[in-house]
Amino acid sequence: MLIAIPCDAPGGLDAPISDHFGHSNMFTLVQVDNDQVGEVKIIPNQAHSQGGCMGPVMLLKDNGAQALVAGGMGMRPLSGFQQVGITVYHKADATTVREAVEGIIAGTCREFDQQHTCGGHEGGCGHHHEDPFEGYVTVEGPVEKDRVVRFSYELFASDELVDTAEDIRYLQGESQIIPGLEQAIEGHVAGDSFEVTLTPEQGYGDRDESKTVEVAIERLPPGLKAGDTVQAQSPDGRAMPLTVLSMSDTSATLDTNHPLAGKTIHFKVKVLEVLTSPK
C-alpha cells in the first residue's frame, strides 16, 4: 500500500506532519507491504489555485497513492479522495510521517468519519485551534462591519474554475478577504446568492515583474522544476504560493506575485450565515 502524508520541508520519514494538508509544503509517499516500510518518495504540493479543494486529490491519485493520513479536512476533499479510491485515515497522536506510518501498521490510525471533518475550507481543516468566533450568534440582518460572515464560493479566471470553498468565515471590515469580494458581500443576508467580476485592483492586484526572489536549492523541496509552485508563509501567517520561474544547480528564481495577480476574476457566492458578537 502506498501511503501519502502531508508534511513540512524537507519531507521524509522524520518530517513533521502538516495539519494544513491542502497547503502543506509536500507529501511524503511511503510504500508499506506486509507491515514493512519500503520505498520513500517525496513530491511537492501544488498551489491551492491549481484545482482548488480537489488539487491534492488528483495530485496523489496521479502518483499512485492508495491511502492518506491527515489531521482533518472538509467533506468535499474527503469525498474526492473516496471517489478516486484513496482511503483517508486520521493521524490520531502521530506528529511525524514515521509515526503516521507506524499508526497505519498498528491500526491506531482509523479511517476518517464525520467527527474528523470540519466545515471550513479544506485547507483550513487541519487546524483545530480555539474558535476565534466562539459565542457569536446568528442574526437575520445584513452583512455589515464587525459581523462574521459564512459563505461558499466558486472562483473563475478566464472562464476556468480555479478554486472553490464550501464554508469560509471572516470578520467583515477587517480586510480578511480580498477587497472587492468583501465590498460585494456587504449588505447581503443569509441565503443570498450572487456573482461578481473583479478587476486585478479589486482582487489580487497587478503583476509586478520585479517581484522575484532567488532561493538556495537546499531550502526548497526536492524534485521541483520550472512552472511548479511551492507554499511559503507571509509575515501575517497566510499561505502564499510561489511559482518557480527557473532553476539552476544552486538556486531557483521564484515569482512572489499571487498566481491570480493581473487577472480579472469572477466569483459565484452564496451567503450561508451572518453572525454578530453577543457583547
Protein backbone atom coordinates (compact mmCIF):
# COMPACT_ATOMS: atom_id res chain seq x y z
CA MET A 1 0.00 0.00 0.00
CA LEU A 2 1.32 3.44 -0.93
CA ILE A 3 0.58 5.88 1.91
CA ALA A 4 0.72 9.67 1.48
CA ILE A 5 1.33 12.01 4.43
CA PRO A 6 1.28 15.84 4.12
CA CYS A 7 4.43 17.19 5.74
CA ASP A 8 6.79 20.10 6.21
CA ALA A 9 10.11 20.52 4.40
CA PRO A 10 12.34 18.70 3.75
CA GLY A 11 9.97 15.71 3.86
CA GLY A 12 10.90 12.12 4.64
CA LEU A 13 10.06 9.77 7.49
CA ASP A 14 11.13 12.17 10.24
CA ALA A 15 9.35 15.23 8.82
CA PRO A 16 6.58 16.80 10.93
CA ILE A 17 3.05 16.15 9.70
CA SER A 18 1.43 19.26 8.24
CA ASP A 19 -2.08 19.53 9.67
CA HIS A 20 -2.95 22.06 6.96
CA PHE A 21 -2.89 19.30 4.37
CA GLY A 22 -4.14 21.36 1.40
CA HIS A 23 -1.33 23.88 1.90
CA SER A 24 1.44 21.54 3.04
CA ASN A 25 4.88 22.02 1.51
CA MET A 26 4.94 18.49 0.19
CA PHE A 27 3.75 14.92 0.58
CA THR A 28 5.90 12.01 1.69
CA LEU A 29 4.78 8.78 -0.01
CA VAL A 30 5.71 5.57 1.80
CA GLN A 31 5.34 2.07 0.39
CA VAL A 32 4.21 -0.42 3.05
CA ASP A 33 3.98 -4.14 2.27
CA ASN A 34 3.47 -6.91 4.84
CA ASP A 35 3.83 -4.30 7.60
CA GLN A 36 7.31 -3.39 6.36
CA VAL A 37 8.34 0.11 5.28
CA GLY A 38 9.73 0.18 1.75
CA GLU A 39 10.48 2.94 -0.74
CA VAL A 40 10.03 6.54 0.42
CA LYS A 41 9.26 9.23 -2.16
CA ILE A 42 8.76 12.99 -1.70
CA ILE A 43 6.61 15.08 -4.04
CA PRO A 44 5.96 18.85 -3.83
CA ASN A 45 2.43 20.07 -3.27
CA GLN A 46 0.84 22.34 -5.86
CA ALA A 47 -0.69 25.78 -5.41
CA HIS A 48 -4.18 25.70 -3.99
CA SER A 49 -5.40 27.65 -7.01
CA GLN A 50 -4.49 24.63 -9.17
CA GLY A 51 -7.63 22.55 -8.80
CA GLY A 52 -8.92 24.15 -5.61
CA CYS A 53 -10.03 21.66 -2.96
CA MET A 54 -9.58 18.80 -5.42
CA GLY A 55 -5.99 19.66 -6.32
CA PRO A 56 -4.34 17.37 -3.71
CA VAL A 57 -6.81 14.62 -4.58
CA MET A 58 -5.76 14.48 -8.22
CA LEU A 59 -2.07 15.02 -7.38
CA LEU A 60 -2.00 11.98 -5.09
CA LYS A 61 -4.15 9.89 -7.39
CA ASP A 62 -1.76 10.57 -10.28
CA ASN A 63 1.16 9.50 -8.07
CA GLY A 64 -0.46 6.19 -7.18
CA ALA A 65 -1.36 6.85 -3.54
CA GLN A 66 -3.78 4.36 -2.03
CA ALA A 67 -4.11 5.93 1.42
CA LEU A 68 -3.72 9.35 3.05
CA VAL A 69 -3.07 10.19 6.70
CA ALA A 70 -4.25 13.66 7.77
CA GLY A 71 -5.35 15.65 10.80
CA GLY A 72 -8.63 16.91 9.37
CA MET A 73 -10.33 18.09 6.20
CA GLY A 74 -13.65 19.24 4.78
CA MET A 75 -16.28 16.99 3.28
CA ARG A 76 -15.52 17.98 -0.34
CA PRO A 77 -11.90 16.75 -0.45
CA LEU A 78 -12.78 13.74 1.74
CA SER A 79 -15.46 12.74 -0.77
CA GLY A 80 -12.99 13.35 -3.59
CA PHE A 81 -10.41 11.00 -2.08
CA GLN A 82 -13.07 8.36 -1.53
CA GLN A 83 -14.28 8.70 -5.13
CA VAL A 84 -10.81 8.05 -6.57
CA GLY A 85 -10.18 5.09 -4.26
CA ILE A 86 -7.83 6.71 -1.72
CA THR A 87 -8.66 5.73 1.86
CA VAL A 88 -8.26 8.61 4.34
CA TYR A 89 -7.04 7.89 7.87
CA HIS A 90 -6.94 10.23 10.86
CA LYS A 91 -3.43 10.78 12.21
CA ALA A 92 -4.52 10.26 15.85
CA ASP A 93 -1.50 11.15 18.03
CA ALA A 94 1.09 10.93 15.24
CA THR A 95 3.27 14.01 14.83
CA THR A 96 5.76 12.75 12.21
CA VAL A 97 5.49 10.83 8.97
CA ARG A 98 7.16 7.81 10.59
CA GLU A 99 4.64 7.80 13.46
CA ALA A 100 1.75 8.02 10.99
CA VAL A 101 3.04 5.02 9.03
CA GLU A 102 3.54 3.09 12.28
CA GLY A 103 -0.03 4.02 13.23
CA ILE A 104 -1.36 2.56 9.99
CA ILE A 105 0.60 -0.64 10.55
CA ALA A 106 -0.51 -0.89 14.20
CA GLY A 107 -4.12 0.01 13.43
CA THR A 108 -4.19 3.11 15.68
CA CYS A 109 -4.87 5.44 12.74
CA ARG A 110 -8.53 4.83 11.93
CA GLU A 111 -10.48 5.74 8.83
CA PHE A 112 -12.00 9.21 8.74
CA ASP A 113 -15.57 9.67 9.89
CA GLN A 114 -17.87 12.66 10.43
CA GLN A 115 -16.18 13.74 13.68
CA HIS A 116 -12.91 14.28 11.84
CA THR A 117 -14.36 16.59 9.19
CA CYS A 118 -14.92 20.29 9.63
CA GLY A 119 -16.89 22.94 7.86
CA GLY A 120 -14.10 25.28 6.90
CA HIS A 121 -12.31 25.48 3.59
CA GLU A 122 -10.45 22.23 3.06
CA GLY A 123 -7.13 23.83 3.60
CA GLY A 124 -8.20 25.15 6.93
CA CYS A 125 -9.45 21.92 8.31
CA GLY A 126 -6.32 20.55 9.83
CA HIS A 127 -6.14 23.23 12.50
CA HIS A 128 -8.42 22.69 15.42
CA HIS A 129 -7.36 25.71 17.45
CA GLU A 130 -9.64 27.77 19.64
CA ASP A 131 -12.50 29.18 17.59
CA PRO A 132 -11.98 32.96 17.25
CA PHE A 133 -15.73 33.40 16.69
CA GLU A 134 -16.92 31.27 19.56
CA GLY A 135 -20.02 32.82 21.13
CA TYR A 136 -21.09 34.70 18.01
CA VAL A 137 -24.81 34.28 17.34
CA THR A 138 -26.85 34.20 14.13
CA VAL A 139 -28.69 37.36 13.12
CA GLU A 140 -31.26 37.99 10.40
CA GLY A 141 -29.81 41.31 9.33
CA PRO A 142 -27.36 42.14 6.53
CA VAL A 143 -23.61 41.77 6.32
CA GLU A 144 -22.03 44.84 7.90
CA LYS A 145 -18.88 45.84 9.75
CA ASP A 146 -17.90 43.66 12.74
CA ARG A 147 -20.29 40.87 11.75
CA VAL A 148 -19.00 37.40 10.94
CA VAL A 149 -19.93 36.01 7.53
CA ARG A 150 -20.09 32.36 6.49
CA PHE A 151 -20.12 31.89 2.74
CA SER A 152 -19.25 29.47 -0.05
CA TYR A 153 -17.82 30.35 -3.44
CA GLU A 154 -16.59 29.24 -6.82
CA LEU A 155 -13.75 31.27 -8.34
CA PHE A 156 -13.17 31.54 -12.08
CA ALA A 157 -10.36 33.06 -14.13
CA SER A 158 -10.65 33.15 -17.93
CA ASP A 159 -13.82 31.04 -17.59
CA GLU A 160 -11.81 28.29 -15.83
CA LEU A 161 -12.78 27.12 -12.33
CA VAL A 162 -9.64 27.65 -10.25
CA ASP A 163 -10.86 27.40 -6.65
CA THR A 164 -13.86 26.50 -4.53
CA ALA A 165 -14.73 26.74 -0.85
CA GLU A 166 -17.67 25.20 0.94
CA ASP A 167 -17.61 27.24 4.14
CA ILE A 168 -15.41 30.29 4.74
CA ARG A 169 -15.74 32.56 7.78
CA TYR A 170 -14.35 36.04 8.19
CA LEU A 171 -14.98 39.27 10.09
CA GLN A 172 -16.44 41.97 7.86
CA GLY A 173 -14.47 45.22 7.72
CA GLU A 174 -11.12 43.72 8.79
CA SER A 175 -9.65 43.06 5.30
CA GLN A 176 -9.55 39.32 5.91
CA ILE A 177 -10.60 38.59 2.31
CA ILE A 178 -9.76 40.41 -0.92
CA PRO A 179 -11.22 43.94 -1.03
CA GLY A 180 -13.57 43.61 -4.00
CA LEU A 181 -15.19 40.48 -2.61
CA GLU A 182 -15.61 42.00 0.84
CA GLN A 183 -17.27 45.05 -0.70
CA ALA A 184 -19.56 42.88 -2.85
CA ILE A 185 -20.77 40.84 0.15
CA GLU A 186 -21.61 43.96 2.18
CA GLY A 187 -25.37 44.32 2.64
CA HIS A 188 -26.31 40.77 1.66
CA VAL A 189 -28.24 38.50 4.01
CA ALA A 190 -28.09 34.76 4.68
CA GLY A 191 -29.44 32.79 1.72
CA ASP A 192 -28.42 35.34 -0.90
CA SER A 193 -26.56 34.08 -3.96
CA PHE A 194 -24.80 36.46 -6.32
CA GLU A 195 -21.98 36.77 -8.85
CA VAL A 196 -19.34 39.46 -9.08
CA THR A 197 -16.49 40.17 -11.51
CA LEU A 198 -13.41 41.83 -10.03
CA THR A 199 -10.58 43.69 -11.73
CA PRO A 200 -6.99 42.99 -10.65
CA GLU A 201 -7.11 46.10 -8.44
CA GLN A 202 -10.18 44.73 -6.65
CA GLY A 203 -8.75 41.22 -6.44
CA TYR A 204 -5.14 40.09 -6.23
CA GLY A 205 -3.51 43.21 -7.62
CA ASP A 206 -1.48 43.89 -10.76
CA ARG A 207 1.56 41.82 -11.63
CA ASP A 208 4.91 43.30 -10.64
CA GLU A 209 7.64 41.76 -12.78
CA SER A 210 10.27 42.86 -10.26
CA LYS A 211 8.76 40.69 -7.50
CA THR A 212 11.11 37.74 -7.84
CA VAL A 213 13.47 36.17 -5.31
CA GLU A 214 16.48 33.88 -5.56
CA VAL A 215 16.36 30.92 -3.15
CA ALA A 216 19.12 28.41 -2.49
CA ILE A 217 18.21 24.99 -3.85
CA GLU A 218 18.69 23.28 -0.47
CA ARG A 219 15.89 25.39 1.00
CA LEU A 220 13.33 24.02 -1.46
CA PRO A 221 11.51 20.68 -1.74
CA PRO A 222 13.31 18.17 -3.97
CA GLY A 223 12.11 17.47 -7.48
CA LEU A 224 10.93 20.98 -8.34
CA LYS A 225 11.02 22.24 -11.91
CA ALA A 226 10.13 25.48 -13.70
CA GLY A 227 6.38 26.05 -13.60
CA ASP A 228 5.86 24.25 -10.28
CA THR A 229 4.59 26.07 -7.21
CA VAL A 230 5.70 25.96 -3.60
CA GLN A 231 4.00 27.24 -0.49
CA ALA A 232 5.58 29.93 1.68
CA GLN A 233 4.23 31.85 4.63
CA SER A 234 3.69 35.60 4.55
CA PRO A 235 4.62 37.76 7.56
CA ASP A 236 0.98 37.75 8.69
CA GLY A 237 0.90 33.94 8.67
CA ARG A 238 -1.08 33.43 5.47
CA ALA A 239 -0.16 30.73 2.96
CA MET A 240 1.49 32.28 -0.08
CA PRO A 241 2.01 30.26 -3.29
CA LEU A 242 5.23 30.99 -5.18
CA THR A 243 5.84 29.95 -8.79
CA VAL A 244 9.20 28.56 -9.89
CA LEU A 245 10.36 30.63 -12.88
CA SER A 246 13.75 29.00 -13.44
CA MET A 247 16.19 26.56 -11.83
CA SER A 248 19.97 26.23 -11.70
CA ASP A 249 22.23 23.78 -9.93
CA THR A 250 22.43 26.02 -6.86
CA SER A 251 19.31 28.22 -6.78
CA ALA A 252 15.82 28.86 -8.07
CA THR A 253 14.09 32.05 -9.13
CA LEU A 254 10.63 32.33 -7.58
CA ASP A 255 7.77 34.62 -8.58
CA THR A 256 6.19 36.12 -5.46
CA ASN A 257 3.18 37.52 -7.31
CA HIS A 258 -0.06 35.75 -6.49
CA PRO A 259 -0.93 33.32 -9.33
CA LEU A 260 -4.08 35.35 -10.00
CA ALA A 261 -2.31 38.74 -9.94
CA GLY A 262 -3.11 40.78 -13.03
CA LYS A 263 -6.18 38.71 -13.85
CA THR A 264 -9.85 39.62 -13.92
CA ILE A 265 -11.64 37.07 -11.74
CA HIS A 266 -15.25 36.05 -11.29
CA PHE A 267 -16.90 34.78 -8.10
CA LYS A 268 -20.13 32.86 -7.62
CA VAL A 269 -21.02 33.38 -3.96
CA LYS A 270 -23.65 32.13 -1.53
CA VAL A 271 -24.02 33.74 1.90
CA LEU A 272 -24.64 30.92 4.37
CA GLU A 273 -24.96 32.77 7.68
CA VAL A 274 -24.43 36.17 9.28
CA LEU A 275 -23.39 36.31 12.92
CA THR A 276 -22.76 39.00 15.49
CA SER A 277 -20.90 39.20 18.77
CA PRO A 278 -23.13 38.64 21.82
CA LYS A 279 -21.45 41.55 23.64
